[in-house]
Amino acid sequence: MPIKVKAIIGSTSSASYNLKVVEFMRQRYADRLEIMPVFINALEPFSIDNENNPPENVVEFKKDVADSDAVLFAVPEYNFSIPGQLKNAIDWMSRGELVLNNKPAFIIGASMGVLGSVRAQQHLREILSNPNLAPAILPQNEVYIGTVHEKLDEAGNLTDKGTVAFLDIVVDNFIKFYEKEKAASAAD
């Protein structure tokens, strides 16, 4: 049975490279991962004024994330950090029901620049270390897809063999990590 993974798409762009990579992963690993994109575009801005009575789209978003075995963050880099809308979604997840706490997760990032969202992922890892978030993040498997626009064909398929081979390794490592986390959780 495939692992049910909710992929939080950190970009609000309709032409998101990160969404294209997630769609590629969804097809390539469908026998092992049931990847479903989760969009954050319409989430209202977080405010402490309504954290105890969040808007309906926030409630639905958190239910969607909670209804998963694992989470995949697909993060672009905006001005050396994560996009504001992704930070907003994370802020919502840090309040009320803590839907990420101890949930197995992994991170990918793609950008047109050569560094492939490395700085954004560093910031994301720091943010996710908050005890109110604290997913169990796959260590030592950073996926930085630089110059992504040169690695996708017109259908959105990754064509760079080295990138695909590395994704294969990371997905294998994530599945092993997930099984280990699941076993440890069952033992508690």
C-alpha atoms as a PDB file:
ATOM      1  CA  MET A   1       0.000   0.000   0.000  1.00  0.00           C
ATOM      2  CA  PRO A   2       1.515   3.354  -1.016  1.00  0.00           C
ATOM      3  CA  ILE A   3       2.407   5.944   1.621  1.00  0.00           C
ATOM      4  CA  LYS A   4      -0.137   8.772   1.549  1.00  0.00           C
ATOM      5  CA  VAL A   5       1.921  11.958   1.066  1.00  0.00           C
ATOM      6  CA  LYS A   6       0.495  15.469   1.004  1.00  0.00           C
ATOM      7  CA  ALA A   7       2.780  17.738  -1.022  1.00  0.00           C
ATOM      8  CA  ILE A   8       2.545  21.334   0.156  1.00  0.00           C
ATOM      9  CA  ILE A   9       3.263  23.426  -2.911  1.00  0.00           C
ATOM     10  CA  GLY A  10       5.188  26.456  -1.673  1.00  0.00           C
ATOM     11  CA  SER A  11       4.598  28.491  -4.806  1.00  0.00           C
ATOM     12  CA  THR A  12       1.363  30.189  -5.802  1.00  0.00           C
ATOM     13  CA  SER A  13       2.386  30.410  -9.462  1.00  0.00           C
ATOM     14  CA  SER A  14       0.204  28.625 -11.999  1.00  0.00           C
ATOM     15  CA  ALA A  15       3.443  27.744 -13.835  1.00  0.00           C
ATOM     16  CA  SER A  16       5.264  26.543 -10.690  1.00  0.00           C
ATOM     17  CA  TYR A  17       8.355  24.479 -11.385  1.00  0.00           C
ATOM     18  CA  ASN A  18       7.977  22.925  -7.936  1.00  0.00           C
ATOM     19  CA  LEU A  19       4.469  21.759  -8.832  1.00  0.00           C
ATOM     20  CA  LYS A  20       5.834  20.277 -12.055  1.00  0.00           C
ATOM     21  CA  VAL A  21       8.478  18.362 -10.098  1.00  0.00           C
ATOM     22  CA  VAL A  22       5.818  17.121  -7.660  1.00  0.00           C
ATOM     23  CA  GLU A  23       3.611  15.993 -10.563  1.00  0.00           C
ATOM     24  CA  PHE A  24       6.602  14.149 -12.044  1.00  0.00           C
ATOM     25  CA  MET A  25       7.231  12.480  -8.680  1.00  0.00           C
ATOM     26  CA  ARG A  26       3.554  11.607  -8.324  1.00  0.00           C
ATOM     27  CA  GLN A  27       3.653   9.679 -11.584  1.00  0.00           C
ATOM     28  CA  ARG A  28       7.111   8.139 -11.205  1.00  0.00           C
ATOM     29  CA  TYR A  29       6.634   6.855  -7.656  1.00  0.00           C
ATOM     30  CA  ALA A  30       2.890   6.081  -7.759  1.00  0.00           C
ATOM     31  CA  ASP A  31       3.473   2.446  -6.800  1.00  0.00           C
ATOM     32  CA  ARG A  32       5.110   3.516  -3.505  1.00  0.00           C
ATOM     33  CA  LEU A  33       3.902   7.047  -2.759  1.00  0.00           C
ATOM     34  CA  GLU A  34       0.395   8.399  -3.202  1.00  0.00           C
ATOM     35  CA  ILE A  35       1.406  12.049  -3.651  1.00  0.00           C
ATOM     36  CA  MET A  36      -1.389  14.624  -3.585  1.00  0.00           C
ATOM     37  CA  PRO A  37      -0.608  18.320  -4.055  1.00  0.00           C
ATOM     38  CA  VAL A  38      -1.950  20.717  -1.430  1.00  0.00           C
ATOM     39  CA  PHE A  39      -2.293  24.330  -2.521  1.00  0.00           C
ATOM     40  CA  ILE A  40      -1.885  27.284  -0.188  1.00  0.00           C
ATOM     41  CA  ASN A  41      -2.858  30.078  -2.580  1.00  0.00           C
ATOM     42  CA  ALA A  42      -6.189  31.002  -0.998  1.00  0.00           C
ATOM     43  CA  LEU A  43      -5.270  30.758   2.691  1.00  0.00           C
ATOM     44  CA  GLU A  44      -6.155  33.910   4.553  1.00  0.00           C
ATOM     45  CA  PRO A  45      -3.328  35.663   6.384  1.00  0.00           C
ATOM     46  CA  PHE A  46      -2.608  34.308   9.836  1.00  0.00           C
ATOM     47  CA  SER A  47      -3.671  36.555  12.678  1.00  0.00           C
ATOM     48  CA  ILE A  48      -3.601  35.943  16.392  1.00  0.00           C
ATOM     49  CA  ASP A  49      -7.034  37.616  16.389  1.00  0.00           C
ATOM     50  CA  ASN A  50      -8.616  34.593  14.697  1.00  0.00           C
ATOM     51  CA  GLU A  51      -6.266  31.717  15.558  1.00  0.00           C
ATOM     52  CA  ASN A  52      -8.963  30.144  17.776  1.00  0.00           C
ATOM     53  CA  ASN A  53     -11.615  30.587  15.099  1.00  0.00           C
ATOM     54  CA  PRO A  54      -9.738  30.110  11.820  1.00  0.00           C
ATOM     55  CA  PRO A  55     -11.336  30.681   8.420  1.00  0.00           C
ATOM     56  CA  GLU A  56     -12.917  27.634   6.784  1.00  0.00           C
ATOM     57  CA  ASN A  57     -10.207  27.357   4.114  1.00  0.00           C
ATOM     58  CA  VAL A  58      -7.591  27.130   6.872  1.00  0.00           C
ATOM     59  CA  VAL A  59      -9.582  24.426   8.659  1.00  0.00           C
ATOM     60  CA  GLU A  60      -9.828  22.461   5.390  1.00  0.00           C
ATOM     61  CA  PHE A  61      -6.125  22.937   4.655  1.00  0.00           C
ATOM     62  CA  LYS A  62      -5.132  21.604   8.080  1.00  0.00           C
ATOM     63  CA  LYS A  63      -7.523  18.649   7.741  1.00  0.00           C
ATOM     64  CA  ASP A  64      -5.984  17.887   4.354  1.00  0.00           C
ATOM     65  CA  VAL A  65      -2.461  17.867   5.807  1.00  0.00           C
ATOM     66  CA  ALA A  66      -3.564  15.873   8.863  1.00  0.00           C
ATOM     67  CA  ASP A  67      -5.110  13.250   6.552  1.00  0.00           C
ATOM     68  CA  SER A  68      -1.736  11.949   5.422  1.00  0.00           C
ATOM     69  CA  ASP A  69       0.983   9.568   6.410  1.00  0.00           C
ATOM     70  CA  ALA A  70       3.697  12.050   5.475  1.00  0.00           C
ATOM     71  CA  VAL A  71       4.325  15.523   4.070  1.00  0.00           C
ATOM     72  CA  LEU A  72       6.474  16.686   1.182  1.00  0.00           C
ATOM     73  CA  PHE A  73       7.413  20.366   1.106  1.00  0.00           C
ATOM     74  CA  ALA A  74       8.089  21.675  -2.405  1.00  0.00           C
ATOM     75  CA  VAL A  75       9.717  25.050  -1.884  1.00  0.00           C
ATOM     76  CA  PRO A  76      10.926  27.687  -4.299  1.00  0.00           C
ATOM     77  CA  GLU A  77      13.282  30.444  -3.207  1.00  0.00           C
ATOM     78  CA  TYR A  78      12.110  34.043  -3.097  1.00  0.00           C
ATOM     79  CA  ASN A  79      14.706  36.643  -2.074  1.00  0.00           C
ATOM     80  CA  PHE A  80      16.917  34.050  -0.331  1.00  0.00           C
ATOM     81  CA  SER A  81      14.047  32.615   1.733  1.00  0.00           C
ATOM     82  CA  ILE A  82      10.700  30.842   1.564  1.00  0.00           C
ATOM     83  CA  PRO A  83       7.679  32.490  -0.085  1.00  0.00           C
ATOM     84  CA  GLY A  84       5.438  34.519   2.202  1.00  0.00           C
ATOM     85  CA  GLN A  85       2.397  32.373   1.462  1.00  0.00           C
ATOM     86  CA  LEU A  86       4.276  29.243   2.580  1.00  0.00           C
ATOM     87  CA  LYS A  87       5.270  30.982   5.819  1.00  0.00           C
ATOM     88  CA  ASN A  88       1.606  31.917   6.291  1.00  0.00           C
ATOM     89  CA  ALA A  89       0.537  28.266   5.847  1.00  0.00           C
ATOM     90  CA  ILE A  90       3.195  27.150   8.317  1.00  0.00           C
ATOM     91  CA  ASP A  91       2.050  29.769  10.828  1.00  0.00           C
ATOM     92  CA  TRP A  92      -1.468  28.332  10.646  1.00  0.00           C
ATOM     93  CA  MET A  93      -0.118  24.807  11.182  1.00  0.00           C
ATOM     94  CA  SER A  94       1.681  25.959  14.347  1.00  0.00           C
ATOM     95  CA  ARG A  95      -1.614  26.881  16.061  1.00  0.00           C
ATOM     96  CA  GLY A  96      -4.561  24.847  17.296  1.00  0.00           C
ATOM     97  CA  GLU A  97      -4.340  21.249  16.118  1.00  0.00           C
ATOM     98  CA  LEU A  98      -0.640  20.617  15.482  1.00  0.00           C
ATOM     99  CA  VAL A  99      -0.933  18.655  12.253  1.00  0.00           C
ATOM    100  CA  LEU A 100       2.802  18.359  11.527  1.00  0.00           C
ATOM    101  CA  ASN A 101       4.036  17.238  14.939  1.00  0.00           C
ATOM    102  CA  ASN A 102       6.170  14.075  14.471  1.00  0.00           C
ATOM    103  CA  LYS A 103       4.786  13.507  10.966  1.00  0.00           C
ATOM    104  CA  PRO A 104       7.455  12.134   8.605  1.00  0.00           C
ATOM    105  CA  ALA A 105       8.428  14.757   6.036  1.00  0.00           C
ATOM    106  CA  PHE A 106      10.905  15.536   3.326  1.00  0.00           C
ATOM    107  CA  ILE A 107      11.788  18.626   1.327  1.00  0.00           C
ATOM    108  CA  ILE A 108      12.510  19.307  -2.317  1.00  0.00           C
ATOM    109  CA  GLY A 109      13.090  22.586  -4.065  1.00  0.00           C
ATOM    110  CA  ALA A 110      13.535  23.746  -7.600  1.00  0.00           C
ATOM    111  CA  SER A 111      14.482  27.086  -9.077  1.00  0.00           C
ATOM    112  CA  MET A 112      15.852  28.601 -12.231  1.00  0.00           C
ATOM    113  CA  GLY A 113      18.982  29.644 -10.318  1.00  0.00           C
ATOM    114  CA  VAL A 114      21.915  27.300  -9.916  1.00  0.00           C
ATOM    115  CA  LEU A 115      21.436  26.816  -6.154  1.00  0.00           C
ATOM    116  CA  GLY A 116      17.965  25.281  -6.454  1.00  0.00           C
ATOM    117  CA  SER A 117      16.385  26.853  -3.329  1.00  0.00           C
ATOM    118  CA  VAL A 118      19.211  25.951  -0.917  1.00  0.00           C
ATOM    119  CA  ARG A 119      18.743  29.102   1.180  1.00  0.00           C
ATOM    120  CA  ALA A 120      14.965  28.718   1.282  1.00  0.00           C
ATOM    121  CA  GLN A 121      15.331  25.124   2.461  1.00  0.00           C
ATOM    122  CA  GLN A 122      17.736  26.180   5.206  1.00  0.00           C
ATOM    123  CA  HIS A 123      15.167  28.702   6.429  1.00  0.00           C
ATOM    124  CA  LEU A 124      12.363  26.163   6.123  1.00  0.00           C
ATOM    125  CA  ARG A 125      14.247  23.615   8.239  1.00  0.00           C
ATOM    126  CA  GLU A 126      14.867  26.279  10.885  1.00  0.00           C
ATOM    127  CA  ILE A 127      11.188  27.286  10.938  1.00  0.00           C
ATOM    128  CA  LEU A 128      10.022  23.663  11.104  1.00  0.00           C
ATOM    129  CA  SER A 129      12.215  23.062  14.160  1.00  0.00           C
ATOM    130  CA  ASN A 130       9.625  25.009  16.209  1.00  0.00           C
ATOM    131  CA  PRO A 131       8.178  22.582  18.799  1.00  0.00           C
ATOM    132  CA  ASN A 132       4.654  23.439  17.639  1.00  0.00           C
ATOM    133  CA  LEU A 133       5.551  22.158  14.181  1.00  0.00           C
ATOM    134  CA  ALA A 134       8.365  19.605  14.578  1.00  0.00           C
ATOM    135  CA  PRO A 135       7.788  17.132  11.772  1.00  0.00           C
ATOM    136  CA  ALA A 136      10.273  14.252  11.557  1.00  0.00           C
ATOM    137  CA  ILE A 137      12.287  15.502   8.584  1.00  0.00           C
ATOM    138  CA  LEU A 138      14.349  13.099   6.503  1.00  0.00           C
ATOM    139  CA  PRO A 139      17.951  14.061   7.304  1.00  0.00           C
ATOM    140  CA  GLN A 140      20.861  14.369   4.889  1.00  0.00           C
ATOM    141  CA  ASN A 141      18.795  14.097   1.713  1.00  0.00           C
ATOM    142  CA  GLU A 142      18.560  17.662   0.476  1.00  0.00           C
ATOM    143  CA  VAL A 143      17.052  18.003  -2.983  1.00  0.00           C
ATOM    144  CA  TYR A 144      18.123  21.250  -4.657  1.00  0.00           C
ATOM    145  CA  ILE A 145      17.132  21.234  -8.326  1.00  0.00           C
ATOM    146  CA  GLY A 146      18.938  24.173  -9.881  1.00  0.00           C
ATOM    147  CA  THR A 147      18.346  25.412 -13.435  1.00  0.00           C
ATOM    148  CA  VAL A 148      15.135  23.395 -13.366  1.00  0.00           C
ATOM    149  CA  HIS A 149      13.810  25.087 -16.519  1.00  0.00           C
ATOM    150  CA  GLU A 150      16.588  23.299 -18.431  1.00  0.00           C
ATOM    151  CA  LYS A 151      15.736  19.916 -16.869  1.00  0.00           C
ATOM    152  CA  LEU A 152      12.040  19.672 -17.761  1.00  0.00           C
ATOM    153  CA  ASP A 153      10.536  18.868 -21.121  1.00  0.00           C
ATOM    154  CA  GLU A 154       7.387  20.561 -22.427  1.00  0.00           C
ATOM    155  CA  ALA A 155       5.208  17.906 -20.764  1.00  0.00           C
ATOM    156  CA  GLY A 156       6.746  18.686 -17.350  1.00  0.00           C
ATOM    157  CA  ASN A 157       8.872  15.539 -17.143  1.00  0.00           C
ATOM    158  CA  LEU A 158      12.303  15.733 -15.580  1.00  0.00           C
ATOM    159  CA  THR A 159      14.730  14.779 -18.307  1.00  0.00           C
ATOM    160  CA  ASP A 160      18.038  15.238 -16.490  1.00  0.00           C
ATOM    161  CA  LYS A 161      19.198  11.685 -15.727  1.00  0.00           C
ATOM    162  CA  GLY A 162      21.360  12.720 -12.769  1.00  0.00           C
ATOM    163  CA  THR A 163      18.474  14.586 -11.128  1.00  0.00           C
ATOM    164  CA  VAL A 164      16.076  11.684 -11.663  1.00  0.00           C
ATOM    165  CA  ALA A 165      18.608   9.186 -10.304  1.00  0.00           C
ATOM    166  CA  PHE A 166      19.127  11.350  -7.214  1.00  0.00           C
ATOM    167  CA  LEU A 167      15.353  11.670  -6.682  1.00  0.00           C
ATOM    168  CA  ASP A 168      15.120   7.874  -6.905  1.00  0.00           C
ATOM    169  CA  ILE A 169      17.690   7.581  -4.100  1.00  0.00           C
ATOM    170  CA  VAL A 170      15.965  10.195  -1.938  1.00  0.00           C
ATOM    171  CA  VAL A 171      12.559   8.546  -2.349  1.00  0.00           C
ATOM    172  CA  ASP A 172      14.060   5.164  -1.428  1.00  0.00           C
ATOM    173  CA  ASN A 173      15.693   6.777   1.614  1.00  0.00           C
ATOM    174  CA  PHE A 174      12.446   8.483   2.583  1.00  0.00           C
ATOM    175  CA  ILE A 175      10.498   5.213   2.444  1.00  0.00           C
ATOM    176  CA  LYS A 176      13.082   3.546   4.722  1.00  0.00           C
ATOM    177  CA  PHE A 177      12.961   6.580   7.036  1.00  0.00           C
ATOM    178  CA  TYR A 178       9.149   6.501   7.055  1.00  0.00           C
ATOM    179  CA  GLU A 179       9.088   2.800   7.955  1.00  0.00           C
ATOM    180  CA  LYS A 180      11.604   3.386  10.752  1.00  0.00           C
ATOM    181  CA  GLU A 181       9.569   6.319  12.123  1.00  0.00           C
ATOM    182  CA  LYS A 182       6.356   4.300  11.889  1.00  0.00           C
ATOM    183  CA  ALA A 183       7.918   1.376  13.752  1.00  0.00           C
ATOM    184  CA  ALA A 184       9.286   3.670  16.483  1.00  0.00           C
ATOM    185  CA  SER A 185       5.874   5.303  16.865  1.00  0.00           C
ATOM    186  CA  ALA A 186       4.143   1.927  17.158  1.00  0.00           C
ATOM    187  CA  ALA A 187       6.609   0.881  19.858  1.00  0.00           C
ATOM    188  CA  ASP A 188       5.744   3.909  22.016  1.00  0.00           C
END
